[in-house]
PDB file of N, CA and C in Angstrom:
ATOM      1  N   THR A   1      11.385  -0.146  -4.874  1.00  0.00           N
ATOM      2  CA  THR A   1      11.089   0.361  -3.546  1.00  0.00           C
ATOM      3  C   THR A   1      10.493  -0.756  -2.711  1.00  0.00           C
ATOM      4  N   ILE A   2      10.922  -0.848  -1.472  1.00  0.00           N
ATOM      5  CA  ILE A   2      10.357  -1.803  -0.518  1.00  0.00           C
ATOM      6  C   ILE A   2       9.626  -1.003   0.541  1.00  0.00           C
ATOM      7  N   HIS A   3       8.388  -1.359   0.785  1.00  0.00           N
ATOM      8  CA  HIS A   3       7.525  -0.665   1.738  1.00  0.00           C
ATOM      9  C   HIS A   3       7.279  -1.579   2.925  1.00  0.00           C
ATOM     10  N   VAL A   4       7.670  -1.130   4.116  1.00  0.00           N
ATOM     11  CA  VAL A   4       7.433  -1.873   5.349  1.00  0.00           C
ATOM     12  C   VAL A   4       6.451  -1.064   6.182  1.00  0.00           C
ATOM     13  N   ALA A   5       5.341  -1.678   6.530  1.00  0.00           N
ATOM     14  CA  ALA A   5       4.336  -1.013   7.363  1.00  0.00           C
ATOM     15  C   ALA A   5       4.251  -1.749   8.694  1.00  0.00           C
ATOM     16  N   THR A   6       4.254  -0.992   9.784  1.00  0.00           N
ATOM     17  CA  THR A   6       4.162  -1.590  11.113  1.00  0.00           C
ATOM     18  C   THR A   6       3.036  -0.939  11.898  1.00  0.00           C
ATOM     19  N   GLY A   7       2.539  -1.656  12.887  1.00  0.00           N
ATOM     20  CA  GLY A   7       1.549  -1.089  13.793  1.00  0.00           C
ATOM     21  C   GLY A   7       0.119  -1.359  13.387  1.00  0.00           C
ATOM     22  N   ARG A   8      -0.757  -0.493  13.835  1.00  0.00           N
ATOM     23  CA  ARG A   8      -2.198  -0.695  13.644  1.00  0.00           C
ATOM     24  C   ARG A   8      -2.584  -0.703  12.172  1.00  0.00           C
ATOM     25  N   SER A   9      -3.679  -1.421  11.899  1.00  0.00           N
ATOM     26  CA  SER A   9      -4.131  -1.553  10.515  1.00  0.00           C
ATOM     27  C   SER A   9      -5.629  -1.312  10.361  1.00  0.00           C
ATOM     28  N   ASP A  10      -6.299  -0.963  11.453  1.00  0.00           N
ATOM     29  CA  ASP A  10      -7.759  -0.807  11.406  1.00  0.00           C
ATOM     30  C   ASP A  10      -8.201   0.292  10.446  1.00  0.00           C
ATOM     31  N   HIS A  11      -7.389   1.318  10.260  1.00  0.00           N
ATOM     32  CA  HIS A  11      -7.739   2.403   9.341  1.00  0.00           C
ATOM     33  C   HIS A  11      -7.689   1.954   7.881  1.00  0.00           C
ATOM     34  N   LEU A  12      -7.113   0.775   7.650  1.00  0.00           N
ATOM     35  CA  LEU A  12      -7.039   0.214   6.302  1.00  0.00           C
ATOM     36  C   LEU A  12      -7.945  -1.009   6.156  1.00  0.00           C
ATOM     37  N   GLY A  13      -8.825  -1.204   7.142  1.00  0.00           N
ATOM     38  CA  GLY A  13      -9.725  -2.351   7.109  1.00  0.00           C
ATOM     39  C   GLY A  13      -9.159  -3.584   7.791  1.00  0.00           C
ATOM     40  N   GLY A  14      -7.998  -3.442   8.429  1.00  0.00           N
ATOM     41  CA  GLY A  14      -7.368  -4.571   9.112  1.00  0.00           C
ATOM     42  C   GLY A  14      -7.930  -4.797  10.504  1.00  0.00           C
ATOM     43  N   GLU A  15      -7.381  -5.782  11.182  1.00  0.00           N
ATOM     44  CA  GLU A  15      -7.881  -6.186  12.494  1.00  0.00           C
ATOM     45  C   GLU A  15      -7.015  -5.728  13.659  1.00  0.00           C
ATOM     46  N   LEU A  16      -5.895  -5.080  13.396  1.00  0.00           N
ATOM     47  CA  LEU A  16      -5.003  -4.637  14.468  1.00  0.00           C
ATOM     48  C   LEU A  16      -5.463  -3.268  14.952  1.00  0.00           C
ATOM     49  N   THR A  17      -6.230  -3.277  16.040  1.00  0.00           N
ATOM     50  CA  THR A  17      -6.861  -2.077  16.586  1.00  0.00           C
ATOM     51  C   THR A  17      -6.107  -1.592  17.821  1.00  0.00           C
ATOM     52  N   PRO A  18      -6.301  -0.331  18.228  1.00  0.00           N
ATOM     53  CA  PRO A  18      -5.574   0.220  19.370  1.00  0.00           C
ATOM     54  C   PRO A  18      -5.712  -0.597  20.657  1.00  0.00           C
ATOM     55  N   ASP A  19      -6.850  -1.235  20.874  1.00  0.00           N
ATOM     56  CA  ASP A  19      -7.030  -2.008  22.105  1.00  0.00           C
ATOM     57  C   ASP A  19      -6.128  -3.237  22.169  1.00  0.00           C
ATOM     58  N   LYS A  20      -5.494  -3.608  21.085  1.00  0.00           N
ATOM     59  CA  LYS A  20      -4.602  -4.768  21.059  1.00  0.00           C
ATOM     60  C   LYS A  20      -3.162  -4.410  21.426  1.00  0.00           C
ATOM     61  N   PHE A  21      -2.907  -3.143  21.712  1.00  0.00           N
ATOM     62  CA  PHE A  21      -1.581  -2.692  22.122  1.00  0.00           C
ATOM     63  C   PHE A  21      -1.524  -2.592  23.640  1.00  0.00           C
ATOM     64  N   ALA A  22      -0.412  -2.995  24.229  1.00  0.00           N
ATOM     65  CA  ALA A  22      -0.242  -2.912  25.682  1.00  0.00           C
ATOM     66  C   ALA A  22      -0.275  -1.457  26.148  1.00  0.00           C
ATOM     67  N   GLU A  23       0.287  -0.571  25.371  1.00  0.00           N
ATOM     68  CA  GLU A  23       0.305   0.855  25.678  1.00  0.00           C
ATOM     69  C   GLU A  23      -0.429   1.609  24.573  1.00  0.00           C
ATOM     70  N   HIS A  24      -1.437   2.380  24.940  1.00  0.00           N
ATOM     71  CA  HIS A  24      -2.241   3.111  23.957  1.00  0.00           C
ATOM     72  C   HIS A  24      -1.380   4.041  23.095  1.00  0.00           C
ATOM     73  N   LEU A  25      -0.347   4.635  23.677  1.00  0.00           N
ATOM     74  CA  LEU A  25       0.513   5.553  22.916  1.00  0.00           C
ATOM     75  C   LEU A  25       1.301   4.843  21.813  1.00  0.00           C
ATOM     76  N   ASN A  26       1.412   3.520  21.908  1.00  0.00           N
ATOM     77  CA  ASN A  26       2.130   2.760  20.883  1.00  0.00           C
ATOM     78  C   ASN A  26       1.229   2.327  19.729  1.00  0.00           C
ATOM     79  N   ALA A  27      -0.046   2.664  19.794  1.00  0.00           N
ATOM     80  CA  ALA A  27      -1.004   2.261  18.756  1.00  0.00           C
ATOM     81  C   ALA A  27      -0.890   3.201  17.562  1.00  0.00           C
ATOM     82  N   THR A  28       0.195   3.054  16.832  1.00  0.00           N
ATOM     83  CA  THR A  28       0.460   3.908  15.675  1.00  0.00           C
ATOM     84  C   THR A  28       0.592   3.056  14.421  1.00  0.00           C
ATOM     85  N   HIS A  29       0.673   3.700  13.307  1.00  0.00           N
ATOM     86  CA  HIS A  29       0.963   3.023  12.040  1.00  0.00           C
ATOM     87  C   HIS A  29       2.133   3.762  11.411  1.00  0.00           C
ATOM     88  N   ASP A  30       3.185   3.031  11.111  1.00  0.00           N
ATOM     89  CA  ASP A  30       4.367   3.637  10.511  1.00  0.00           C
ATOM     90  C   ASP A  30       4.651   2.997   9.164  1.00  0.00           C
ATOM     91  N   ASP A  31       4.969   3.819   8.198  1.00  0.00           N
ATOM     92  CA  ASP A  31       5.371   3.357   6.877  1.00  0.00           C
ATOM     93  C   ASP A  31       6.844   3.677   6.690  1.00  0.00           C
ATOM     94  N   ILE A  32       7.604   2.659   6.312  1.00  0.00           N
ATOM     95  CA  ILE A  32       9.033   2.828   6.081  1.00  0.00           C
ATOM     96  C   ILE A  32       9.309   2.407   4.643  1.00  0.00           C
ATOM     97  N   LEU A  33       9.935   3.283   3.883  1.00  0.00           N
ATOM     98  CA  LEU A  33      10.224   3.000   2.476  1.00  0.00           C
ATOM     99  C   LEU A  33      11.728   2.940   2.252  1.00  0.00           C
ATOM    100  N   PHE A  34      12.148   1.906   1.544  1.00  0.00           N
ATOM    101  CA  PHE A  34      13.541   1.767   1.149  1.00  0.00           C
ATOM    102  C   PHE A  34      13.598   1.771  -0.372  1.00  0.00           C
ATOM    103  N   ALA A  35      14.409   2.643  -0.930  1.00  0.00           N
ATOM    104  CA  ALA A  35      14.602   2.707  -2.377  1.00  0.00           C
ATOM    105  C   ALA A  35      16.050   3.104  -2.636  1.00  0.00           C
ATOM    106  N   PRO A  36      16.705   2.453  -3.575  1.00  0.00           N
ATOM    107  CA  PRO A  36      18.127   2.728  -3.807  1.00  0.00           C
ATOM    108  C   PRO A  36      18.442   4.196  -4.060  1.00  0.00           C
ATOM    109  N   HIS A  37      17.571   4.903  -4.750  1.00  0.00           N
ATOM    110  CA  HIS A  37      17.853   6.305  -5.069  1.00  0.00           C
ATOM    111  C   HIS A  37      17.584   7.244  -3.893  1.00  0.00           C
ATOM    112  N   LYS A  38      16.882   6.768  -2.864  1.00  0.00           N
ATOM    113  CA  LYS A  38      16.583   7.607  -1.695  1.00  0.00           C
ATOM    114  C   LYS A  38      17.364   7.181  -0.458  1.00  0.00           C
ATOM    115  N   THR A  39      17.610   5.887  -0.317  1.00  0.00           N
ATOM    116  CA  THR A  39      18.288   5.360   0.878  1.00  0.00           C
ATOM    117  C   THR A  39      19.498   4.539   0.444  1.00  0.00           C
ATOM    118  N   SER A  40      20.398   5.179  -0.255  1.00  0.00           N
ATOM    119  CA  SER A  40      21.551   4.459  -0.811  1.00  0.00           C
ATOM    120  C   SER A  40      22.445   3.852   0.267  1.00  0.00           C
ATOM    121  N   GLU A  41      22.377   4.378   1.485  1.00  0.00           N
ATOM    122  CA  GLU A  41      23.190   3.825   2.570  1.00  0.00           C
ATOM    123  C   GLU A  41      22.601   2.535   3.133  1.00  0.00           C
ATOM    124  N   ILE A  42      21.371   2.215   2.738  1.00  0.00           N
ATOM    125  CA  ILE A  42      20.710   0.979   3.170  1.00  0.00           C
ATOM    126  C   ILE A  42      20.393   0.171   1.926  1.00  0.00           C
ATOM    127  N   TRP A  43      20.980  -1.005   1.815  1.00  0.00           N
ATOM    128  CA  TRP A  43      20.713  -1.858   0.661  1.00  0.00           C
ATOM    129  C   TRP A  43      19.997  -3.110   1.146  1.00  0.00           C
ATOM    130  N   VAL A  44      18.773  -3.289   0.713  1.00  0.00           N
ATOM    131  CA  VAL A  44      17.982  -4.453   1.101  1.00  0.00           C
ATOM    132  C   VAL A  44      18.237  -5.541   0.061  1.00  0.00           C
ATOM    133  N   THR A  45      18.949  -6.591   0.468  1.00  0.00           N
ATOM    134  CA  THR A  45      19.294  -7.642  -0.490  1.00  0.00           C
ATOM    135  C   THR A  45      18.121  -8.561  -0.792  1.00  0.00           C
ATOM    136  N   GLN A  46      17.263  -8.796   0.206  1.00  0.00           N
ATOM    137  CA  GLN A  46      16.093  -9.645  -0.015  1.00  0.00           C
ATOM    138  C   GLN A  46      14.952  -9.236   0.897  1.00  0.00           C
ATOM    139  N   ALA A  47      13.751  -9.419   0.383  1.00  0.00           N
ATOM    140  CA  ALA A  47      12.536  -9.355   1.200  1.00  0.00           C
ATOM    141  C   ALA A  47      11.891 -10.724   1.058  1.00  0.00           C
ATOM    142  N   ARG A  48      11.596 -11.364   2.202  1.00  0.00           N
ATOM    143  CA  ARG A  48      11.050 -12.724   2.193  1.00  0.00           C
ATOM    144  C   ARG A  48       9.748 -12.779   2.957  1.00  0.00           C
ATOM    145  N   ILE A  49       8.950 -13.781   2.638  1.00  0.00           N
ATOM    146  CA  ILE A  49       7.733 -14.043   3.389  1.00  0.00           C
ATOM    147  C   ILE A  49       7.838 -15.461   3.952  1.00  0.00           C
ATOM    148  N   HIS A  50       7.464 -15.598   5.215  1.00  0.00           N
ATOM    149  CA  HIS A  50       7.421 -16.903   5.876  1.00  0.00           C
ATOM    150  C   HIS A  50       5.953 -17.245   6.071  1.00  0.00           C
ATOM    151  N   ARG A  51       5.494 -18.317   5.448  1.00  0.00           N
ATOM    152  CA  ARG A  51       4.084 -18.703   5.539  1.00  0.00           C
ATOM    153  C   ARG A  51       3.972 -20.221   5.416  1.00  0.00           C
ATOM    154  N   ASP A  52       3.168 -20.798   6.288  1.00  0.00           N
ATOM    155  CA  ASP A  52       2.900 -22.243   6.246  1.00  0.00           C
ATOM    156  C   ASP A  52       4.180 -23.073   6.234  1.00  0.00           C
ATOM    157  N   GLY A  53       5.155 -22.650   7.038  1.00  0.00           N
ATOM    158  CA  GLY A  53       6.399 -23.398   7.146  1.00  0.00           C
ATOM    159  C   GLY A  53       7.342 -23.248   5.965  1.00  0.00           C
ATOM    160  N   GLN A  54       7.020 -22.372   5.035  1.00  0.00           N
ATOM    161  CA  GLN A  54       7.875 -22.155   3.872  1.00  0.00           C
ATOM    162  C   GLN A  54       8.351 -20.706   3.815  1.00  0.00           C
ATOM    163  N   THR A  55       9.507 -20.514   3.236  1.00  0.00           N
ATOM    164  CA  THR A  55      10.050 -19.173   3.022  1.00  0.00           C
ATOM    165  C   THR A  55      10.159 -18.924   1.526  1.00  0.00           C
ATOM    166  N   LYS A  56       9.624 -17.797   1.097  1.00  0.00           N
ATOM    167  CA  LYS A  56       9.695 -17.406  -0.312  1.00  0.00           C
ATOM    168  C   LYS A  56      10.393 -16.054  -0.411  1.00  0.00           C
ATOM    169  N   VAL A  57      11.292 -15.915  -1.367  1.00  0.00           N
ATOM    170  CA  VAL A  57      11.928 -14.628  -1.651  1.00  0.00           C
ATOM    171  C   VAL A  57      10.970 -13.839  -2.533  1.00  0.00           C
ATOM    172  N   LEU A  58      10.634 -12.618  -2.106  1.00  0.00           N
ATOM    173  CA  LEU A  58       9.730 -11.760  -2.871  1.00  0.00           C
ATOM    174  C   LEU A  58      10.487 -10.780  -3.756  1.00  0.00           C
ATOM    175  N   ILE A  59      11.521 -10.176  -3.172  1.00  0.00           N
ATOM    176  CA  ILE A  59      12.313  -9.165  -3.880  1.00  0.00           C
ATOM    177  C   ILE A  59      13.779  -9.449  -3.602  1.00  0.00           C
ATOM    178  N   GLU A  60      14.603  -9.321  -4.627  1.00  0.00           N
ATOM    179  CA  GLU A  60      16.039  -9.498  -4.455  1.00  0.00           C
ATOM    180  C   GLU A  60      16.754  -8.348  -5.143  1.00  0.00           C
ATOM    181  N   ASN A  61      17.540  -7.602  -4.353  1.00  0.00           N
ATOM    182  CA  ASN A  61      18.236  -6.415  -4.863  1.00  0.00           C
ATOM    183  C   ASN A  61      17.280  -5.462  -5.582  1.00  0.00           C
ATOM    184  N   TYR A  62      16.129  -5.258  -4.961  1.00  0.00           N
ATOM    185  CA  TYR A  62      15.102  -4.326  -5.437  1.00  0.00           C
ATOM    186  C   TYR A  62      14.445  -4.750  -6.754  1.00  0.00           C
ATOM    187  N   GLU A  63      14.556  -6.002  -7.109  1.00  0.00           N
ATOM    188  CA  GLU A  63      13.911  -6.532  -8.314  1.00  0.00           C
ATOM    189  C   GLU A  63      12.967  -7.661  -7.904  1.00  0.00           C
ATOM    190  N   PRO A  64      11.860  -7.849  -8.625  1.00  0.00           N
ATOM    191  CA  PRO A  64      10.946  -8.950  -8.298  1.00  0.00           C
ATOM    192  C   PRO A  64      11.647 -10.301  -8.459  1.00  0.00           C
ATOM    193  N   SER A  65      11.372 -11.206  -7.538  1.00  0.00           N
ATOM    194  CA  SER A  65      11.962 -12.546  -7.608  1.00  0.00           C
ATOM    195  C   SER A  65      11.243 -13.386  -8.661  1.00  0.00           C
ATOM    196  N   ASP A  66      11.812 -14.546  -8.962  1.00  0.00           N
ATOM    197  CA  ASP A  66      11.152 -15.471  -9.884  1.00  0.00           C
ATOM    198  C   ASP A  66       9.775 -15.851  -9.352  1.00  0.00           C
ATOM    199  N   TYR A  67       9.656 -16.006  -8.037  1.00  0.00           N
ATOM    200  CA  TYR A  67       8.370 -16.344  -7.412  1.00  0.00           C
ATOM    201  C   TYR A  67       7.316 -15.279  -7.751  1.00  0.00           C
ATOM    202  N   ILE A  68       7.659 -14.024  -7.599  1.00  0.00           N
ATOM    203  CA  ILE A  68       6.725 -12.929  -7.901  1.00  0.00           C
ATOM    204  C   ILE A  68       6.420 -12.881  -9.395  1.00  0.00           C
ATOM    205  N   LEU A  69       7.432 -13.046 -10.216  1.00  0.00           N
ATOM    206  CA  LEU A  69       7.215 -13.011 -11.664  1.00  0.00           C
ATOM    207  C   LEU A  69       6.262 -14.119 -12.106  1.00  0.00           C
ATOM    208  N   GLU A  70       6.364 -15.282 -11.478  1.00  0.00           N
ATOM    209  CA  GLU A  70       5.442 -16.381 -11.797  1.00  0.00           C
ATOM    210  C   GLU A  70       4.017 -16.042 -11.374  1.00  0.00           C
ATOM    211  N   LEU A  71       3.863 -15.392 -10.228  1.00  0.00           N
ATOM    212  CA  LEU A  71       2.529 -15.013  -9.753  1.00  0.00           C
ATOM    213  C   LEU A  71       1.866 -14.007 -10.683  1.00  0.00           C
ATOM    214  N   ARG A  72       2.652 -13.195 -11.335  1.00  0.00           N
ATOM    215  CA  ARG A  72       2.123 -12.135 -12.199  1.00  0.00           C
ATOM    216  C   ARG A  72       1.682 -12.631 -13.570  1.00  0.00           C
ATOM    217  N   LYS A  73       1.983 -13.892 -13.886  1.00  0.00           N
ATOM    218  CA  LYS A  73       1.615 -14.436 -15.211  1.00  0.00           C
ATOM    219  C   LYS A  73       0.127 -14.687 -15.296  1.00  0.00           C
TER     220      LYS A  73
END
């Protein structure tokens, strides 16, 4: 399963608060879940992170990447 969260994060201890949104009505938090058995019409081939000028593959075809497996050791 791949979990994508968008919007405010203050309710989780984050810094994205309603006052940082141009429109107050847009200050929401949405969770979007992709899983092959639930969203078979949507296949996420990769989830990547871009940080410090580098791109790392986190998940590939709903399986942990080598990068993630190394972090878990």
